[in-house]
Amino acid sequence: MPRREDIRSVLILGSGPIVIGQACEFDYSGTQAAKALKEKGIRVILLNSNPATIMTDPDLADATYVEPMTVPVVQKITGKRKTGRNSSHGRRSDGS
């Protein structure tokens, strides 16, 4: 897929608090997405309400927000950072 030059920043939504023992696959997918985007020169902004995740490592994203994952918080971040797209990682197939 050709790179879109109009996308300069991406907001990645983490999985938030989850059951112990289920975090690694969610963290892994979000972490890999952040690394791949940064390698392409895209600014990575991360929102996750779980401070204990590896996704909140300060070296992983250009900006990290550990805040409740609510619509007002996302609007505050996207309005402030003017991200063009949102990407969600870490959602289980059953929707939880």
C-alpha atoms as a PDB file:
ATOM      1  CA  MET A   1       0.000   0.000   0.000  1.00  0.00           C
ATOM      2  CA  PRO A   2       1.513   3.364  -0.933  1.00  0.00           C
ATOM      3  CA  ARG A   3       2.207   5.787   1.866  1.00  0.00           C
ATOM      4  CA  ARG A   4      -0.221   8.665   2.213  1.00  0.00           C
ATOM      5  CA  GLU A   5       1.777  11.859   2.482  1.00  0.00           C
ATOM      6  CA  ASP A   6      -1.122  13.756   4.080  1.00  0.00           C
ATOM      7  CA  ILE A   7      -0.953  11.684   7.290  1.00  0.00           C
ATOM      8  CA  ARG A   8       1.690  13.115   9.607  1.00  0.00           C
ATOM      9  CA  SER A   9       0.321  12.063  13.016  1.00  0.00           C
ATOM     10  CA  VAL A  10      -1.595   9.045  14.281  1.00  0.00           C
ATOM     11  CA  LEU A  11      -3.418   8.635  17.581  1.00  0.00           C
ATOM     12  CA  ILE A  12      -3.234   5.055  18.875  1.00  0.00           C
ATOM     13  CA  LEU A  13      -5.863   4.106  21.446  1.00  0.00           C
ATOM     14  CA  GLY A  14      -4.566   1.509  23.890  1.00  0.00           C
ATOM     15  CA  SER A  15      -6.634  -1.246  25.428  1.00  0.00           C
ATOM     16  CA  GLY A  16      -7.004   0.370  28.846  1.00  0.00           C
ATOM     17  CA  PRO A  17      -7.327  -1.729  32.005  1.00  0.00           C
ATOM     18  CA  ILE A  18      -7.814  -5.407  31.309  1.00  0.00           C
ATOM     19  CA  VAL A  19      -7.759  -8.749  33.108  1.00  0.00           C
ATOM     20  CA  ILE A  20      -4.380  -9.929  34.406  1.00  0.00           C
ATOM     21  CA  GLY A  21      -2.886 -12.410  31.967  1.00  0.00           C
ATOM     22  CA  GLN A  22      -4.534 -10.891  28.914  1.00  0.00           C
ATOM     23  CA  ALA A  23      -2.428  -7.773  28.489  1.00  0.00           C
ATOM     24  CA  CYS A  24       0.561  -9.014  26.517  1.00  0.00           C
ATOM     25  CA  GLU A  25      -1.100  -9.540  23.120  1.00  0.00           C
ATOM     26  CA  PHE A  26      -2.894  -6.187  23.302  1.00  0.00           C
ATOM     27  CA  ASP A  27       0.262  -4.345  24.317  1.00  0.00           C
ATOM     28  CA  TYR A  28       2.251  -6.126  21.635  1.00  0.00           C
ATOM     29  CA  SER A  29      -0.040  -5.112  18.771  1.00  0.00           C
ATOM     30  CA  GLY A  30      -0.171  -1.471  19.840  1.00  0.00           C
ATOM     31  CA  THR A  31       3.571  -1.349  20.470  1.00  0.00           C
ATOM     32  CA  GLN A  32       4.348  -2.830  17.055  1.00  0.00           C
ATOM     33  CA  ALA A  33       1.995  -0.356  15.380  1.00  0.00           C
ATOM     34  CA  ALA A  34       3.712   2.564  17.138  1.00  0.00           C
ATOM     35  CA  LYS A  35       7.184   1.322  16.170  1.00  0.00           C
ATOM     36  CA  ALA A  36       6.199   0.795  12.528  1.00  0.00           C
ATOM     37  CA  LEU A  37       4.646   4.249  12.261  1.00  0.00           C
ATOM     38  CA  LYS A  38       7.661   5.953  13.844  1.00  0.00           C
ATOM     39  CA  GLU A  39       9.971   4.131  11.412  1.00  0.00           C
ATOM     40  CA  LYS A  40       7.967   5.718   8.596  1.00  0.00           C
ATOM     41  CA  GLY A  41       8.421   9.166  10.106  1.00  0.00           C
ATOM     42  CA  ILE A  42       4.858   9.488  11.369  1.00  0.00           C
ATOM     43  CA  ARG A  43       4.296  11.220  14.699  1.00  0.00           C
ATOM     44  CA  VAL A  44       2.763   8.762  17.186  1.00  0.00           C
ATOM     45  CA  ILE A  45       0.375   9.957  19.887  1.00  0.00           C
ATOM     46  CA  LEU A  46      -0.767   7.359  22.402  1.00  0.00           C
ATOM     47  CA  LEU A  47      -3.781   7.323  24.721  1.00  0.00           C
ATOM     48  CA  ASN A  48      -4.094   4.550  27.294  1.00  0.00           C
ATOM     49  CA  SER A  49      -5.812   4.620  30.674  1.00  0.00           C
ATOM     50  CA  ASN A  50      -3.552   1.854  32.000  1.00  0.00           C
ATOM     51  CA  PRO A  51      -0.233   3.266  33.283  1.00  0.00           C
ATOM     52  CA  ALA A  52       1.177  -0.244  33.840  1.00  0.00           C
ATOM     53  CA  THR A  53       1.339  -1.124  30.141  1.00  0.00           C
ATOM     54  CA  ILE A  54       4.519  -1.127  28.050  1.00  0.00           C
ATOM     55  CA  MET A  55       2.677   1.096  25.587  1.00  0.00           C
ATOM     56  CA  THR A  56       3.111   4.019  27.991  1.00  0.00           C
ATOM     57  CA  ASP A  57       6.918   3.784  27.785  1.00  0.00           C
ATOM     58  CA  PRO A  58       8.057   7.372  27.117  1.00  0.00           C
ATOM     59  CA  ASP A  59      10.377   6.283  24.295  1.00  0.00           C
ATOM     60  CA  LEU A  60       7.622   4.535  22.345  1.00  0.00           C
ATOM     61  CA  ALA A  61       5.451   7.486  21.320  1.00  0.00           C
ATOM     62  CA  ASP A  62       6.086  11.142  20.583  1.00  0.00           C
ATOM     63  CA  ALA A  63       3.321  12.059  23.040  1.00  0.00           C
ATOM     64  CA  THR A  64       1.722   9.795  25.640  1.00  0.00           C
ATOM     65  CA  TYR A  65      -1.509  10.458  27.524  1.00  0.00           C
ATOM     66  CA  VAL A  66      -2.426   8.298  30.522  1.00  0.00           C
ATOM     67  CA  GLU A  67      -6.006   9.452  30.954  1.00  0.00           C
ATOM     68  CA  PRO A  68      -9.513   7.981  30.918  1.00  0.00           C
ATOM     69  CA  MET A  69     -10.415   6.773  27.444  1.00  0.00           C
ATOM     70  CA  THR A  70     -13.511   8.875  26.956  1.00  0.00           C
ATOM     71  CA  VAL A  71     -14.854  10.858  24.031  1.00  0.00           C
ATOM     72  CA  PRO A  72     -14.062  14.231  25.675  1.00  0.00           C
ATOM     73  CA  VAL A  73     -10.439  13.179  26.287  1.00  0.00           C
ATOM     74  CA  VAL A  74     -10.019  11.974  22.687  1.00  0.00           C
ATOM     75  CA  GLN A  75     -11.554  15.213  21.412  1.00  0.00           C
ATOM     76  CA  LYS A  76      -9.205  17.244  23.600  1.00  0.00           C
ATOM     77  CA  ILE A  77      -6.167  15.361  22.277  1.00  0.00           C
ATOM     78  CA  THR A  78      -7.189  15.395  18.619  1.00  0.00           C
ATOM     79  CA  GLY A  79      -8.188  19.032  18.744  1.00  0.00           C
ATOM     80  CA  LYS A  80      -4.902  19.941  20.339  1.00  0.00           C
ATOM     81  CA  ARG A  81      -2.709  17.756  18.127  1.00  0.00           C
ATOM     82  CA  LYS A  82      -4.794  17.851  14.948  1.00  0.00           C
ATOM     83  CA  THR A  83      -4.326  14.166  14.150  1.00  0.00           C
ATOM     84  CA  GLY A  84      -5.703  13.008  10.839  1.00  0.00           C
ATOM     85  CA  ARG A  85      -6.601   9.402  11.669  1.00  0.00           C
ATOM     86  CA  ASN A  86      -7.366   7.237  14.686  1.00  0.00           C
ATOM     87  CA  SER A  87      -6.248   3.638  15.119  1.00  0.00           C
ATOM     88  CA  SER A  88      -7.564   1.317  17.803  1.00  0.00           C
ATOM     89  CA  HIS A  89      -5.531  -1.630  19.078  1.00  0.00           C
ATOM     90  CA  GLY A  90      -6.131  -4.150  21.797  1.00  0.00           C
ATOM     91  CA  ARG A  91      -9.850  -4.829  21.517  1.00  0.00           C
ATOM     92  CA  ARG A  92     -10.941  -8.415  22.047  1.00  0.00           C
ATOM     93  CA  SER A  93     -13.125 -10.051  19.431  1.00  0.00           C
ATOM     94  CA  ASP A  94     -16.023 -10.250  21.898  1.00  0.00           C
ATOM     95  CA  GLY A  95     -15.996  -6.443  22.137  1.00  0.00           C
ATOM     96  CA  SER A  96     -14.691  -6.150  25.695  1.00  0.00           C
END
